[in-house]
Amino acid sequence: MTFFTASSRLLGTVFVVQVLGELDYRHAPAFRLEMERAWEVEAPSLIVADVTGLTFCDSTGVAELILALQRSRALGVRLALVGVHGTLERILAITGLRPSFEVFTSVEEALQEA
């Protein structure tokens, strides 16, 4: 059985979504639900998806990140990824998607850019 959790918090005007475990087809709905909470916040200046704790990400997880990016852009809200590594890093590099995302090494670094 795989493990996944998604939680969120508001830090001033920055909405941070933290994910842990495997972001795959079984867990994509939980991630999507947490991201929807971010877009319900009144005018966040930045949404940060902290993926430092991801142990795996498949094509469905990547598709969810792309949908999150598209929705954020449509709403005029920046989306940043924090802690990209492992499988996700390889997928973003291989597919050429890496430049589409703002990527930071830590939440603190992303907050400085808010």
C-alpha atoms as a PDB file:
ATOM      1  CA  MET A   1       0.000   0.000   0.000  1.00  0.00           C
ATOM      2  CA  THR A   2       1.401   3.389  -0.977  1.00  0.00           C
ATOM      3  CA  PHE A   3       1.394   6.448   1.227  1.00  0.00           C
ATOM      4  CA  PHE A   4       0.324   9.983   0.339  1.00  0.00           C
ATOM      5  CA  THR A   5      -0.788  13.051   2.262  1.00  0.00           C
ATOM      6  CA  ALA A   6      -1.462  16.607   1.196  1.00  0.00           C
ATOM      7  CA  SER A   7      -1.846  19.489   3.610  1.00  0.00           C
ATOM      8  CA  SER A   8      -1.896  23.237   3.264  1.00  0.00           C
ATOM      9  CA  ARG A   9      -1.367  26.431   5.194  1.00  0.00           C
ATOM     10  CA  LEU A  10      -1.537  30.141   4.551  1.00  0.00           C
ATOM     11  CA  LEU A  11       1.621  32.144   5.278  1.00  0.00           C
ATOM     12  CA  GLY A  12       0.559  35.759   4.901  1.00  0.00           C
ATOM     13  CA  THR A  13      -0.610  35.933   1.294  1.00  0.00           C
ATOM     14  CA  VAL A  14       1.248  32.786   0.213  1.00  0.00           C
ATOM     15  CA  PHE A  15      -0.632  29.487   0.125  1.00  0.00           C
ATOM     16  CA  VAL A  16       1.630  26.473   0.698  1.00  0.00           C
ATOM     17  CA  VAL A  17       0.550  22.957  -0.254  1.00  0.00           C
ATOM     18  CA  GLN A  18       2.824  20.250   1.123  1.00  0.00           C
ATOM     19  CA  VAL A  19       2.746  16.747  -0.332  1.00  0.00           C
ATOM     20  CA  LEU A  20       4.343  13.607   1.058  1.00  0.00           C
ATOM     21  CA  GLY A  21       4.604  10.151  -0.442  1.00  0.00           C
ATOM     22  CA  GLU A  22       3.597   8.939  -3.887  1.00  0.00           C
ATOM     23  CA  LEU A  23       1.706  11.262  -6.228  1.00  0.00           C
ATOM     24  CA  ASP A  24       0.142   8.795  -8.646  1.00  0.00           C
ATOM     25  CA  TYR A  25      -3.249   8.012 -10.153  1.00  0.00           C
ATOM     26  CA  ARG A  26      -4.611   6.833  -6.790  1.00  0.00           C
ATOM     27  CA  HIS A  27      -3.569   9.969  -4.938  1.00  0.00           C
ATOM     28  CA  ALA A  28      -4.047  12.645  -7.601  1.00  0.00           C
ATOM     29  CA  PRO A  29      -7.589  13.485  -6.379  1.00  0.00           C
ATOM     30  CA  ALA A  30      -6.254  14.299  -2.886  1.00  0.00           C
ATOM     31  CA  PHE A  31      -3.648  16.615  -4.393  1.00  0.00           C
ATOM     32  CA  ARG A  32      -6.267  18.262  -6.630  1.00  0.00           C
ATOM     33  CA  LEU A  33      -8.549  18.857  -3.631  1.00  0.00           C
ATOM     34  CA  GLU A  34      -5.745  20.557  -1.689  1.00  0.00           C
ATOM     35  CA  MET A  35      -4.870  22.733  -4.689  1.00  0.00           C
ATOM     36  CA  GLU A  36      -8.524  23.762  -5.044  1.00  0.00           C
ATOM     37  CA  ARG A  37      -8.336  25.141  -1.504  1.00  0.00           C
ATOM     38  CA  ALA A  38      -5.475  27.351  -2.660  1.00  0.00           C
ATOM     39  CA  TRP A  39      -7.534  28.887  -5.445  1.00  0.00           C
ATOM     40  CA  GLU A  40     -10.412  29.555  -3.041  1.00  0.00           C
ATOM     41  CA  VAL A  41      -8.204  31.825  -0.919  1.00  0.00           C
ATOM     42  CA  GLU A  42      -8.837  35.453  -1.729  1.00  0.00           C
ATOM     43  CA  ALA A  43      -6.040  36.572  -4.043  1.00  0.00           C
ATOM     44  CA  PRO A  44      -2.997  34.644  -2.833  1.00  0.00           C
ATOM     45  CA  SER A  45       0.155  36.289  -4.137  1.00  0.00           C
ATOM     46  CA  LEU A  46       1.787  32.914  -4.684  1.00  0.00           C
ATOM     47  CA  ILE A  47       0.908  29.235  -4.416  1.00  0.00           C
ATOM     48  CA  VAL A  48       3.791  27.008  -3.398  1.00  0.00           C
ATOM     49  CA  ALA A  49       3.619  23.260  -3.987  1.00  0.00           C
ATOM     50  CA  ASP A  50       6.216  21.791  -1.640  1.00  0.00           C
ATOM     51  CA  VAL A  51       7.133  18.446  -3.214  1.00  0.00           C
ATOM     52  CA  THR A  52      10.228  17.862  -1.082  1.00  0.00           C
ATOM     53  CA  GLY A  53       8.540  14.863   0.545  1.00  0.00           C
ATOM     54  CA  LEU A  54       7.539  13.156  -2.694  1.00  0.00           C
ATOM     55  CA  THR A  55       8.967   9.682  -3.030  1.00  0.00           C
ATOM     56  CA  PHE A  56       7.422   9.026  -6.455  1.00  0.00           C
ATOM     57  CA  CYS A  57       5.483  10.864  -9.145  1.00  0.00           C
ATOM     58  CA  ASP A  58       3.968   9.218 -12.215  1.00  0.00           C
ATOM     59  CA  SER A  59       2.452  10.733 -15.356  1.00  0.00           C
ATOM     60  CA  THR A  60      -0.862  11.339 -13.588  1.00  0.00           C
ATOM     61  CA  GLY A  61       0.926  13.324 -10.888  1.00  0.00           C
ATOM     62  CA  VAL A  62       2.744  15.369 -13.511  1.00  0.00           C
ATOM     63  CA  ALA A  63      -0.574  15.976 -15.284  1.00  0.00           C
ATOM     64  CA  GLU A  64      -1.996  17.312 -12.008  1.00  0.00           C
ATOM     65  CA  LEU A  65       0.944  19.706 -11.692  1.00  0.00           C
ATOM     66  CA  ILE A  66       0.374  20.901 -15.264  1.00  0.00           C
ATOM     67  CA  LEU A  67      -3.335  21.431 -14.558  1.00  0.00           C
ATOM     68  CA  ALA A  68      -2.406  23.363 -11.411  1.00  0.00           C
ATOM     69  CA  LEU A  69      -0.032  25.530 -13.432  1.00  0.00           C
ATOM     70  CA  GLN A  70      -2.674  26.198 -16.091  1.00  0.00           C
ATOM     71  CA  ARG A  71      -5.332  27.080 -13.525  1.00  0.00           C
ATOM     72  CA  SER A  72      -2.962  29.341 -11.613  1.00  0.00           C
ATOM     73  CA  ARG A  73      -2.024  31.183 -14.789  1.00  0.00           C
ATOM     74  CA  ALA A  74      -5.690  31.548 -15.759  1.00  0.00           C
ATOM     75  CA  LEU A  75      -6.364  33.114 -12.348  1.00  0.00           C
ATOM     76  CA  GLY A  76      -3.269  35.320 -12.474  1.00  0.00           C
ATOM     77  CA  VAL A  77      -1.595  33.618  -9.516  1.00  0.00           C
ATOM     78  CA  ARG A  78       2.010  32.442  -9.575  1.00  0.00           C
ATOM     79  CA  LEU A  79       2.688  28.771  -8.872  1.00  0.00           C
ATOM     80  CA  ALA A  80       6.065  27.627  -7.583  1.00  0.00           C
ATOM     81  CA  LEU A  81       7.436  24.163  -6.918  1.00  0.00           C
ATOM     82  CA  VAL A  82       9.751  23.584  -3.984  1.00  0.00           C
ATOM     83  CA  GLY A  83      12.118  20.674  -3.500  1.00  0.00           C
ATOM     84  CA  VAL A  84      11.872  19.084  -6.944  1.00  0.00           C
ATOM     85  CA  HIS A  85      13.996  15.933  -6.972  1.00  0.00           C
ATOM     86  CA  GLY A  86      14.106  12.279  -8.018  1.00  0.00           C
ATOM     87  CA  THR A  87      11.518  10.987 -10.461  1.00  0.00           C
ATOM     88  CA  LEU A  88       9.719  14.312 -10.750  1.00  0.00           C
ATOM     89  CA  GLU A  89      12.946  16.138 -11.552  1.00  0.00           C
ATOM     90  CA  ARG A  90      13.776  13.612 -14.275  1.00  0.00           C
ATOM     91  CA  ILE A  91      10.282  13.759 -15.805  1.00  0.00           C
ATOM     92  CA  LEU A  92      10.274  17.569 -15.903  1.00  0.00           C
ATOM     93  CA  ALA A  93      13.723  17.600 -17.503  1.00  0.00           C
ATOM     94  CA  ILE A  94      13.036  14.873 -20.068  1.00  0.00           C
ATOM     95  CA  THR A  95       9.698  16.356 -21.150  1.00  0.00           C
ATOM     96  CA  GLY A  96      11.042  19.902 -21.349  1.00  0.00           C
ATOM     97  CA  LEU A  97       8.520  21.085 -18.740  1.00  0.00           C
ATOM     98  CA  ARG A  98      11.132  22.267 -16.227  1.00  0.00           C
ATOM     99  CA  PRO A  99      11.267  25.872 -17.556  1.00  0.00           C
ATOM    100  CA  SER A 100       7.466  26.139 -17.284  1.00  0.00           C
ATOM    101  CA  PHE A 101       7.631  26.062 -13.490  1.00  0.00           C
ATOM    102  CA  GLU A 102       9.215  28.417 -11.005  1.00  0.00           C
ATOM    103  CA  VAL A 103      11.371  26.086  -8.898  1.00  0.00           C
ATOM    104  CA  PHE A 104      12.947  26.845  -5.527  1.00  0.00           C
ATOM    105  CA  THR A 105      14.998  24.763  -3.125  1.00  0.00           C
ATOM    106  CA  SER A 106      12.976  25.709  -0.019  1.00  0.00           C
ATOM    107  CA  VAL A 107       9.711  27.296   1.030  1.00  0.00           C
ATOM    108  CA  GLU A 108      11.706  30.093   2.637  1.00  0.00           C
ATOM    109  CA  GLU A 109      13.406  30.859  -0.685  1.00  0.00           C
ATOM    110  CA  ALA A 110      10.030  30.933  -2.458  1.00  0.00           C
ATOM    111  CA  LEU A 111       8.614  33.256   0.226  1.00  0.00           C
ATOM    112  CA  GLN A 112      11.442  35.716  -0.434  1.00  0.00           C
ATOM    113  CA  GLU A 113      10.272  35.906  -4.060  1.00  0.00           C
ATOM    114  CA  ALA A 114       6.621  36.491  -3.111  1.00  0.00           C
END
